[in-house]
Amino acid sequence: MKQKIISLPAALFLAFLLLPFTLTGCSGEPGQELKDSVLSSFNDLLHFVSRLALTSDERLTGERTLGEDNYTGSYQADYEDFQGAEYLFGGTGLSRSEGNELSVTYELSVRSGSVRLFLSQSGTQTTLADMAENGSCQIRLTGGDTYIGIEGEDFDGSLSLVVQ
């Protein structure tokens, strides 16, 4: 009996998600509106839940100011003997209403230890910087998870980061 109680909500949820795909008839209009509404709601849910993956303001070493959403803003930090990782900006979604192009500008200073400013996109991490340098790059959001973070081991230095 317990299994049926759990299965019924799961089945209803799945049916709700699939309903728009089954309603597209010859005209396509009524079903398309419902489908667009469901996809938009799902996208909003993804963006909301993905905030949990970012390091909270209380746990950040520096000061983060968010821009129009969790993907953009500025971050300033001075690190002393930093161990671990901080996820600074990003999220998960099918699309972003503000556009899918981001511009990243950073200044990384390294006094000692090791550090890596990285982009994590759909499970693949790319190093943006791992030594003292200034730089910039463009990021195209691809409809999955995209996060910018910093990872260090015995890291002393600073980071200034702007994502627009």
N, C-alpha and C. Protein backbone atom coordinates (compact mmCIF):
# COMPACT_ATOMS: atom_id res chain seq x y z
N MET A 1 0.82 -1.20 0.00
CA MET A 1 0.00 0.00 0.00
C MET A 1 0.86 1.27 0.00
N LYS A 2 1.94 1.26 0.76
CA LYS A 2 2.81 2.42 0.85
C LYS A 2 3.40 2.76 -0.52
N GLN A 3 3.73 1.75 -1.29
CA GLN A 3 4.29 1.96 -2.60
C GLN A 3 3.29 2.65 -3.52
N LYS A 4 2.01 2.31 -3.42
CA LYS A 4 0.98 2.93 -4.25
C LYS A 4 0.80 4.39 -3.90
N ILE A 5 0.92 4.73 -2.63
CA ILE A 5 0.77 6.13 -2.21
C ILE A 5 1.90 6.96 -2.80
N ILE A 6 3.10 6.45 -2.80
CA ILE A 6 4.23 7.16 -3.37
C ILE A 6 4.14 7.20 -4.88
N SER A 7 3.66 6.12 -5.50
CA SER A 7 3.58 6.04 -6.96
C SER A 7 2.51 6.96 -7.53
N LEU A 8 1.39 7.14 -6.84
CA LEU A 8 0.32 7.98 -7.35
C LEU A 8 0.76 9.43 -7.52
N PRO A 9 1.38 10.07 -6.53
CA PRO A 9 1.86 11.45 -6.76
C PRO A 9 2.90 11.52 -7.88
N ALA A 10 3.79 10.55 -7.95
CA ALA A 10 4.79 10.55 -9.00
C ALA A 10 4.13 10.42 -10.37
N ALA A 11 3.13 9.56 -10.48
CA ALA A 11 2.42 9.39 -11.74
C ALA A 11 1.66 10.64 -12.14
N LEU A 12 1.02 11.30 -11.17
CA LEU A 12 0.30 12.54 -11.45
C LEU A 12 1.24 13.65 -11.90
N PHE A 13 2.40 13.74 -11.24
CA PHE A 13 3.39 14.74 -11.63
C PHE A 13 3.88 14.49 -13.04
N LEU A 14 4.20 13.25 -13.36
CA LEU A 14 4.67 12.90 -14.70
C LEU A 14 3.59 13.18 -15.74
N ALA A 15 2.34 12.83 -15.43
CA ALA A 15 1.24 13.09 -16.35
C ALA A 15 1.08 14.59 -16.58
N PHE A 16 1.23 15.38 -15.52
CA PHE A 16 1.14 16.84 -15.64
C PHE A 16 2.22 17.38 -16.55
N LEU A 17 3.43 16.84 -16.43
CA LEU A 17 4.52 17.29 -17.29
C LEU A 17 4.33 16.87 -18.74
N LEU A 18 3.79 15.69 -18.95
CA LEU A 18 3.63 15.17 -20.31
C LEU A 18 2.36 15.65 -20.99
N LEU A 19 1.38 16.13 -20.23
CA LEU A 19 0.11 16.56 -20.78
C LEU A 19 0.26 17.55 -21.94
N PRO A 20 1.08 18.58 -21.82
CA PRO A 20 1.19 19.54 -22.93
C PRO A 20 1.67 18.90 -24.22
N PHE A 21 2.49 17.86 -24.12
CA PHE A 21 3.01 17.23 -25.32
C PHE A 21 1.95 16.39 -26.01
N THR A 22 0.93 15.97 -25.27
CA THR A 22 -0.12 15.16 -25.86
C THR A 22 -1.28 16.01 -26.36
N LEU A 23 -1.33 17.28 -26.02
CA LEU A 23 -2.44 18.14 -26.40
C LEU A 23 -2.22 18.89 -27.69
N THR A 24 -1.08 18.78 -28.31
CA THR A 24 -0.83 19.52 -29.53
C THR A 24 -1.54 18.82 -30.68
N GLY A 25 -2.63 19.41 -31.11
CA GLY A 25 -3.41 18.86 -32.21
C GLY A 25 -2.99 19.52 -33.50
N CYS A 26 -3.91 19.53 -34.48
CA CYS A 26 -3.61 20.12 -35.78
C CYS A 26 -3.31 21.60 -35.67
N SER A 27 -4.12 22.30 -34.87
CA SER A 27 -3.90 23.75 -34.76
C SER A 27 -2.67 24.05 -33.92
N GLY A 28 -2.40 23.22 -32.92
CA GLY A 28 -1.22 23.39 -32.09
C GLY A 28 -1.34 24.49 -31.05
N GLU A 29 -2.27 25.42 -31.21
CA GLU A 29 -2.34 26.57 -30.32
C GLU A 29 -2.72 26.25 -28.88
N PRO A 30 -3.86 25.61 -28.59
CA PRO A 30 -4.23 25.39 -27.19
C PRO A 30 -3.19 24.57 -26.44
N GLY A 31 -2.73 23.51 -27.02
CA GLY A 31 -1.73 22.67 -26.37
C GLY A 31 -0.39 23.36 -26.25
N GLN A 32 -0.04 24.18 -27.23
CA GLN A 32 1.23 24.89 -27.22
C GLN A 32 1.30 25.88 -26.07
N GLU A 33 0.18 26.58 -25.81
CA GLU A 33 0.16 27.53 -24.71
C GLU A 33 0.38 26.83 -23.37
N LEU A 34 -0.27 25.70 -23.19
CA LEU A 34 -0.11 24.94 -21.96
C LEU A 34 1.32 24.41 -21.84
N LYS A 35 1.83 23.91 -22.92
CA LYS A 35 3.21 23.40 -22.93
C LYS A 35 4.19 24.50 -22.58
N ASP A 36 4.03 25.68 -23.19
CA ASP A 36 4.91 26.81 -22.89
C ASP A 36 4.79 27.21 -21.43
N SER A 37 3.58 27.18 -20.90
CA SER A 37 3.37 27.53 -19.50
C SER A 37 4.06 26.54 -18.56
N VAL A 38 3.93 25.26 -18.86
CA VAL A 38 4.58 24.23 -18.03
C VAL A 38 6.09 24.36 -18.10
N LEU A 39 6.63 24.55 -19.31
CA LEU A 39 8.08 24.70 -19.45
C LEU A 39 8.59 25.95 -18.74
N SER A 40 7.84 27.03 -18.82
CA SER A 40 8.22 28.25 -18.13
C SER A 40 8.22 28.05 -16.62
N SER A 41 7.19 27.39 -16.12
CA SER A 41 7.12 27.11 -14.67
C SER A 41 8.26 26.21 -14.24
N PHE A 42 8.57 25.21 -15.04
CA PHE A 42 9.68 24.30 -14.73
C PHE A 42 11.00 25.05 -14.73
N ASN A 43 11.19 25.94 -15.70
CA ASN A 43 12.40 26.75 -15.77
C ASN A 43 12.52 27.64 -14.53
N ASP A 44 11.41 28.26 -14.12
CA ASP A 44 11.42 29.09 -12.91
C ASP A 44 11.78 28.26 -11.68
N LEU A 45 11.25 27.06 -11.59
CA LEU A 45 11.57 26.16 -10.48
C LEU A 45 13.05 25.81 -10.47
N LEU A 46 13.61 25.51 -11.64
CA LEU A 46 15.05 25.21 -11.73
C LEU A 46 15.89 26.38 -11.24
N HIS A 47 15.55 27.59 -11.68
CA HIS A 47 16.31 28.77 -11.25
C HIS A 47 16.21 28.97 -9.74
N PHE A 48 15.02 28.77 -9.19
CA PHE A 48 14.83 28.94 -7.76
C PHE A 48 15.64 27.93 -6.96
N VAL A 49 15.55 26.66 -7.33
CA VAL A 49 16.24 25.59 -6.59
C VAL A 49 17.75 25.68 -6.76
N SER A 50 18.22 26.14 -7.91
CA SER A 50 19.66 26.19 -8.16
C SER A 50 20.38 27.20 -7.27
N ARG A 51 19.65 28.13 -6.65
CA ARG A 51 20.26 29.06 -5.70
C ARG A 51 20.94 28.32 -4.55
N LEU A 52 20.41 27.16 -4.22
CA LEU A 52 20.95 26.38 -3.10
C LEU A 52 22.37 25.89 -3.37
N ALA A 53 22.77 25.81 -4.63
CA ALA A 53 24.11 25.35 -4.96
C ALA A 53 25.17 26.44 -4.74
N LEU A 54 24.74 27.70 -4.75
CA LEU A 54 25.69 28.79 -4.51
C LEU A 54 26.08 28.82 -3.03
N THR A 55 27.31 29.19 -2.77
CA THR A 55 27.76 29.38 -1.40
C THR A 55 26.97 30.55 -0.81
N SER A 56 26.42 30.37 0.37
CA SER A 56 25.62 31.42 1.00
C SER A 56 26.51 32.62 1.33
N ASP A 57 25.91 33.79 1.38
CA ASP A 57 26.65 35.02 1.69
C ASP A 57 27.38 34.91 3.02
N GLU A 58 26.76 34.24 4.00
CA GLU A 58 27.36 34.11 5.32
C GLU A 58 28.63 33.26 5.30
N ARG A 59 28.73 32.35 4.35
CA ARG A 59 29.88 31.44 4.31
C ARG A 59 30.96 31.89 3.33
N LEU A 60 30.69 32.93 2.56
CA LEU A 60 31.68 33.45 1.62
C LEU A 60 32.80 34.16 2.36
N THR A 61 34.00 34.08 1.81
CA THR A 61 35.13 34.81 2.36
C THR A 61 34.98 36.30 2.12
N GLY A 62 34.51 36.65 0.93
CA GLY A 62 34.40 38.06 0.56
C GLY A 62 32.98 38.56 0.52
N GLU A 63 32.80 39.65 -0.21
CA GLU A 63 31.50 40.31 -0.34
C GLU A 63 30.97 40.15 -1.76
N ARG A 64 29.78 39.56 -1.85
CA ARG A 64 29.13 39.38 -3.15
C ARG A 64 27.94 40.33 -3.24
N THR A 65 27.82 40.98 -4.39
CA THR A 65 26.65 41.77 -4.71
C THR A 65 26.03 41.16 -5.95
N LEU A 66 24.82 40.64 -5.79
CA LEU A 66 24.15 40.03 -6.94
C LEU A 66 23.62 41.09 -7.86
N GLY A 67 23.62 40.77 -9.16
CA GLY A 67 23.05 41.66 -10.16
C GLY A 67 21.58 41.37 -10.34
N GLU A 68 21.14 41.30 -11.58
CA GLU A 68 19.72 41.09 -11.88
C GLU A 68 19.25 39.69 -11.53
N ASP A 69 20.19 38.75 -11.35
CA ASP A 69 19.85 37.38 -10.95
C ASP A 69 21.09 36.73 -10.34
N ASN A 70 21.06 35.43 -10.12
CA ASN A 70 22.19 34.73 -9.50
C ASN A 70 23.37 34.53 -10.44
N TYR A 71 23.18 34.83 -11.72
CA TYR A 71 24.25 34.65 -12.70
C TYR A 71 25.18 35.85 -12.76
N THR A 72 24.71 37.01 -12.32
CA THR A 72 25.49 38.23 -12.49
C THR A 72 25.73 38.94 -11.16
N GLY A 73 26.75 39.79 -11.17
CA GLY A 73 27.07 40.59 -9.99
C GLY A 73 28.56 40.80 -9.86
N SER A 74 28.97 41.17 -8.66
CA SER A 74 30.39 41.41 -8.40
C SER A 74 30.78 40.71 -7.10
N TYR A 75 32.07 40.41 -6.99
CA TYR A 75 32.59 39.73 -5.80
C TYR A 75 34.01 40.24 -5.54
N GLN A 76 34.28 40.58 -4.28
CA GLN A 76 35.60 41.04 -3.83
C GLN A 76 35.99 40.24 -2.61
N ALA A 77 37.21 39.66 -2.63
CA ALA A 77 37.63 38.89 -1.46
C ALA A 77 39.15 38.92 -1.30
N ASP A 78 39.57 38.94 -0.03
CA ASP A 78 40.97 38.73 0.35
C ASP A 78 41.02 37.41 1.10
N TYR A 79 41.84 36.50 0.62
CA TYR A 79 41.91 35.16 1.19
C TYR A 79 43.19 34.99 2.00
N GLU A 80 43.06 34.31 3.15
CA GLU A 80 44.21 33.93 3.96
C GLU A 80 44.07 32.46 4.32
N ASP A 81 45.01 31.65 3.87
CA ASP A 81 45.01 30.22 4.15
C ASP A 81 43.67 29.57 3.78
N PHE A 82 43.16 29.93 2.62
CA PHE A 82 41.85 29.43 2.17
C PHE A 82 41.96 27.98 1.72
N GLN A 83 41.03 27.18 2.22
CA GLN A 83 40.91 25.76 1.85
C GLN A 83 39.50 25.52 1.37
N GLY A 84 39.34 24.87 0.24
CA GLY A 84 38.00 24.50 -0.20
C GLY A 84 37.57 25.22 -1.45
N ALA A 85 36.25 25.35 -1.59
CA ALA A 85 35.66 25.95 -2.79
C ALA A 85 34.49 26.84 -2.41
N GLU A 86 34.29 27.86 -3.21
CA GLU A 86 33.13 28.74 -3.08
C GLU A 86 32.49 28.84 -4.47
N TYR A 87 31.18 28.66 -4.51
CA TYR A 87 30.42 28.84 -5.74
C TYR A 87 29.80 30.23 -5.69
N LEU A 88 30.26 31.11 -6.58
CA LEU A 88 29.96 32.53 -6.48
C LEU A 88 28.75 32.98 -7.27
N PHE A 89 28.64 32.54 -8.51
CA PHE A 89 27.54 32.95 -9.38
C PHE A 89 27.10 31.76 -10.22
N GLY A 90 25.86 31.80 -10.66
CA GLY A 90 25.38 30.78 -11.58
C GLY A 90 24.02 30.24 -11.22
N GLY A 91 23.66 29.19 -11.92
CA GLY A 91 22.38 28.57 -11.70
C GLY A 91 22.12 27.47 -12.70
N THR A 92 20.89 26.97 -12.67
CA THR A 92 20.45 25.93 -13.58
C THR A 92 19.12 26.36 -14.17
N GLY A 93 18.98 26.20 -15.46
CA GLY A 93 17.72 26.54 -16.10
C GLY A 93 17.72 26.16 -17.55
N LEU A 94 16.54 26.17 -18.13
CA LEU A 94 16.40 25.89 -19.56
C LEU A 94 16.81 27.10 -20.37
N SER A 95 16.48 28.29 -19.86
CA SER A 95 16.87 29.54 -20.50
C SER A 95 16.86 30.63 -19.44
N ARG A 96 17.41 31.77 -19.79
CA ARG A 96 17.51 32.90 -18.87
C ARG A 96 16.84 34.10 -19.53
N SER A 97 15.90 34.70 -18.85
CA SER A 97 15.14 35.80 -19.47
C SER A 97 16.03 36.99 -19.83
N GLU A 98 17.14 37.16 -19.13
CA GLU A 98 18.06 38.28 -19.39
C GLU A 98 19.04 37.98 -20.51
N GLY A 99 18.94 36.80 -21.13
CA GLY A 99 19.84 36.42 -22.21
C GLY A 99 20.82 35.36 -21.76
N ASN A 100 21.40 34.66 -22.70
CA ASN A 100 22.26 33.53 -22.40
C ASN A 100 23.75 33.82 -22.61
N GLU A 101 24.11 35.09 -22.71
CA GLU A 101 25.51 35.49 -22.84
C GLU A 101 25.95 36.23 -21.58
N LEU A 102 27.07 35.81 -21.01
CA LEU A 102 27.63 36.48 -19.84
C LEU A 102 29.04 36.95 -20.15
N SER A 103 29.41 38.09 -19.59
CA SER A 103 30.76 38.62 -19.72
C SER A 103 31.41 38.56 -18.33
N VAL A 104 32.56 37.92 -18.25
CA VAL A 104 33.26 37.73 -16.98
C VAL A 104 34.58 38.50 -17.02
N THR A 105 34.83 39.33 -16.00
CA THR A 105 36.09 40.06 -15.86
C THR A 105 36.62 39.77 -14.46
N TYR A 106 37.92 39.45 -14.38
CA TYR A 106 38.48 39.09 -13.07
C TYR A 106 39.91 39.62 -12.92
N GLU A 107 40.28 39.81 -11.65
CA GLU A 107 41.65 40.11 -11.24
C GLU A 107 41.97 39.14 -10.12
N LEU A 108 42.93 38.27 -10.35
CA LEU A 108 43.33 37.28 -9.36
C LEU A 108 44.77 37.55 -8.94
N SER A 109 44.98 37.67 -7.64
CA SER A 109 46.30 37.89 -7.08
C SER A 109 46.65 36.69 -6.21
N VAL A 110 47.86 36.15 -6.40
CA VAL A 110 48.27 34.98 -5.62
C VAL A 110 49.56 35.31 -4.89
N ARG A 111 49.51 35.27 -3.54
CA ARG A 111 50.72 35.46 -2.74
C ARG A 111 51.36 34.11 -2.41
N SER A 112 50.50 33.11 -2.12
CA SER A 112 51.02 31.77 -1.83
C SER A 112 49.89 30.76 -1.96
N GLY A 113 50.27 29.50 -1.99
CA GLY A 113 49.29 28.43 -2.13
C GLY A 113 48.85 28.25 -3.57
N SER A 114 47.81 27.47 -3.74
CA SER A 114 47.29 27.26 -5.09
C SER A 114 45.82 27.68 -5.14
N VAL A 115 45.41 28.11 -6.32
CA VAL A 115 44.04 28.59 -6.50
C VAL A 115 43.61 28.30 -7.94
N ARG A 116 42.30 28.22 -8.10
CA ARG A 116 41.75 28.03 -9.44
C ARG A 116 40.39 28.70 -9.50
N LEU A 117 40.26 29.68 -10.37
CA LEU A 117 38.97 30.27 -10.70
C LEU A 117 38.41 29.41 -11.82
N PHE A 118 37.19 28.89 -11.65
CA PHE A 118 36.70 27.91 -12.62
C PHE A 118 35.27 28.19 -13.06
N LEU A 119 34.95 27.61 -14.21
CA LEU A 119 33.59 27.59 -14.75
C LEU A 119 33.17 26.13 -14.76
N SER A 120 32.06 25.84 -14.12
CA SER A 120 31.48 24.51 -14.14
C SER A 120 30.22 24.58 -14.98
N GLN A 121 30.20 23.84 -16.08
CA GLN A 121 29.06 23.89 -16.98
C GLN A 121 28.67 22.48 -17.38
N SER A 122 27.46 22.09 -16.99
CA SER A 122 26.92 20.76 -17.29
C SER A 122 27.89 19.66 -16.88
N GLY A 123 28.47 19.80 -15.70
CA GLY A 123 29.34 18.77 -15.14
C GLY A 123 30.80 18.83 -15.58
N THR A 124 31.13 19.73 -16.48
CA THR A 124 32.51 19.87 -16.96
C THR A 124 33.11 21.15 -16.39
N GLN A 125 34.28 21.02 -15.77
CA GLN A 125 34.93 22.21 -15.21
C GLN A 125 36.05 22.68 -16.13
N THR A 126 36.08 24.00 -16.31
CA THR A 126 37.11 24.66 -17.11
C THR A 126 37.80 25.69 -16.23
N THR A 127 39.12 25.72 -16.24
CA THR A 127 39.87 26.69 -15.46
C THR A 127 39.90 28.02 -16.21
N LEU A 128 39.45 29.07 -15.54
CA LEU A 128 39.53 30.41 -16.10
C LEU A 128 40.86 31.06 -15.75
N ALA A 129 41.35 30.81 -14.52
CA ALA A 129 42.64 31.35 -14.08
C ALA A 129 43.16 30.50 -12.93
N ASP A 130 44.49 30.32 -12.89
CA ASP A 130 45.09 29.57 -11.78
C ASP A 130 46.41 30.19 -11.33
N MET A 131 46.63 31.43 -11.75
CA MET A 131 47.81 32.18 -11.32
C MET A 131 47.43 33.65 -11.30
N ALA A 132 48.31 34.47 -10.76
CA ALA A 132 48.02 35.90 -10.69
C ALA A 132 47.87 36.45 -12.11
N GLU A 133 46.67 36.95 -12.39
CA GLU A 133 46.44 37.52 -13.71
C GLU A 133 45.13 38.28 -13.74
N ASN A 134 45.00 39.14 -14.73
CA ASN A 134 43.76 39.83 -15.03
C ASN A 134 43.25 39.24 -16.33
N GLY A 135 41.95 39.10 -16.45
CA GLY A 135 41.43 38.55 -17.68
C GLY A 135 39.94 38.76 -17.82
N SER A 136 39.46 38.34 -18.97
CA SER A 136 38.03 38.39 -19.23
C SER A 136 37.67 37.30 -20.22
N CYS A 137 36.41 36.91 -20.22
CA CYS A 137 35.94 35.91 -21.16
C CYS A 137 34.43 36.04 -21.31
N GLN A 138 33.92 35.42 -22.33
CA GLN A 138 32.49 35.36 -22.58
C GLN A 138 32.02 33.95 -22.30
N ILE A 139 30.85 33.83 -21.69
CA ILE A 139 30.27 32.52 -21.40
C ILE A 139 28.90 32.46 -22.05
N ARG A 140 28.64 31.38 -22.72
CA ARG A 140 27.31 31.14 -23.30
C ARG A 140 26.62 30.07 -22.48
N LEU A 141 25.48 30.41 -21.90
CA LEU A 141 24.69 29.44 -21.14
C LEU A 141 24.05 28.47 -22.11
N THR A 142 24.11 27.19 -21.78
CA THR A 142 23.67 26.15 -22.71
C THR A 142 22.41 25.42 -22.26
N GLY A 143 21.70 25.95 -21.29
CA GLY A 143 20.45 25.32 -20.88
C GLY A 143 20.63 24.23 -19.84
N GLY A 144 21.68 24.27 -19.10
CA GLY A 144 21.90 23.34 -18.01
C GLY A 144 22.43 24.10 -16.81
N ASP A 145 23.29 23.45 -16.05
CA ASP A 145 23.86 24.13 -14.89
C ASP A 145 25.15 24.83 -15.29
N THR A 146 25.30 26.06 -14.81
CA THR A 146 26.49 26.87 -15.07
C THR A 146 26.83 27.62 -13.79
N TYR A 147 28.04 27.39 -13.28
CA TYR A 147 28.48 28.05 -12.06
C TYR A 147 29.91 28.56 -12.21
N ILE A 148 30.19 29.70 -11.61
CA ILE A 148 31.55 30.23 -11.53
C ILE A 148 31.96 30.14 -10.07
N GLY A 149 33.16 29.57 -9.84
CA GLY A 149 33.61 29.40 -8.47
C GLY A 149 35.11 29.55 -8.34
N ILE A 150 35.56 29.46 -7.10
CA ILE A 150 36.98 29.52 -6.81
C ILE A 150 37.30 28.36 -5.86
N GLU A 151 38.47 27.78 -6.08
CA GLU A 151 38.90 26.64 -5.28
C GLU A 151 40.36 26.89 -4.89
N GLY A 152 40.67 26.68 -3.62
CA GLY A 152 42.03 26.95 -3.18
C GLY A 152 42.54 25.95 -2.18
N GLU A 153 43.87 25.91 -2.10
CA GLU A 153 44.55 25.08 -1.10
C GLU A 153 45.68 25.93 -0.52
N ASP A 154 45.56 26.24 0.78
CA ASP A 154 46.52 27.12 1.45
C ASP A 154 46.69 28.43 0.68
N PHE A 155 45.60 28.92 0.14
CA PHE A 155 45.64 30.08 -0.75
C PHE A 155 45.61 31.39 0.03
N ASP A 156 46.61 32.23 -0.23
CA ASP A 156 46.66 33.61 0.22
C ASP A 156 46.65 34.47 -1.04
N GLY A 157 45.72 35.39 -1.11
CA GLY A 157 45.64 36.26 -2.26
C GLY A 157 44.30 36.98 -2.30
N SER A 158 43.93 37.45 -3.47
CA SER A 158 42.66 38.18 -3.60
C SER A 158 42.01 37.89 -4.93
N LEU A 159 40.71 38.14 -4.97
CA LEU A 159 39.93 37.98 -6.20
C LEU A 159 38.96 39.13 -6.30
N SER A 160 38.93 39.73 -7.48
CA SER A 160 37.92 40.71 -7.85
C SER A 160 37.25 40.15 -9.10
N LEU A 161 35.93 40.01 -9.05
CA LEU A 161 35.21 39.33 -10.13
C LEU A 161 33.95 40.12 -10.45
N VAL A 162 33.69 40.33 -11.74
CA VAL A 162 32.46 40.96 -12.19
C VAL A 162 31.88 40.11 -13.30
N VAL A 163 30.61 39.76 -13.16
CA VAL A 163 29.90 38.97 -14.17
C VAL A 163 28.69 39.79 -14.60
N GLN A 164 28.60 40.08 -15.91
CA GLN A 164 27.49 40.89 -16.46
C GLN A 164 26.79 40.13 -17.55
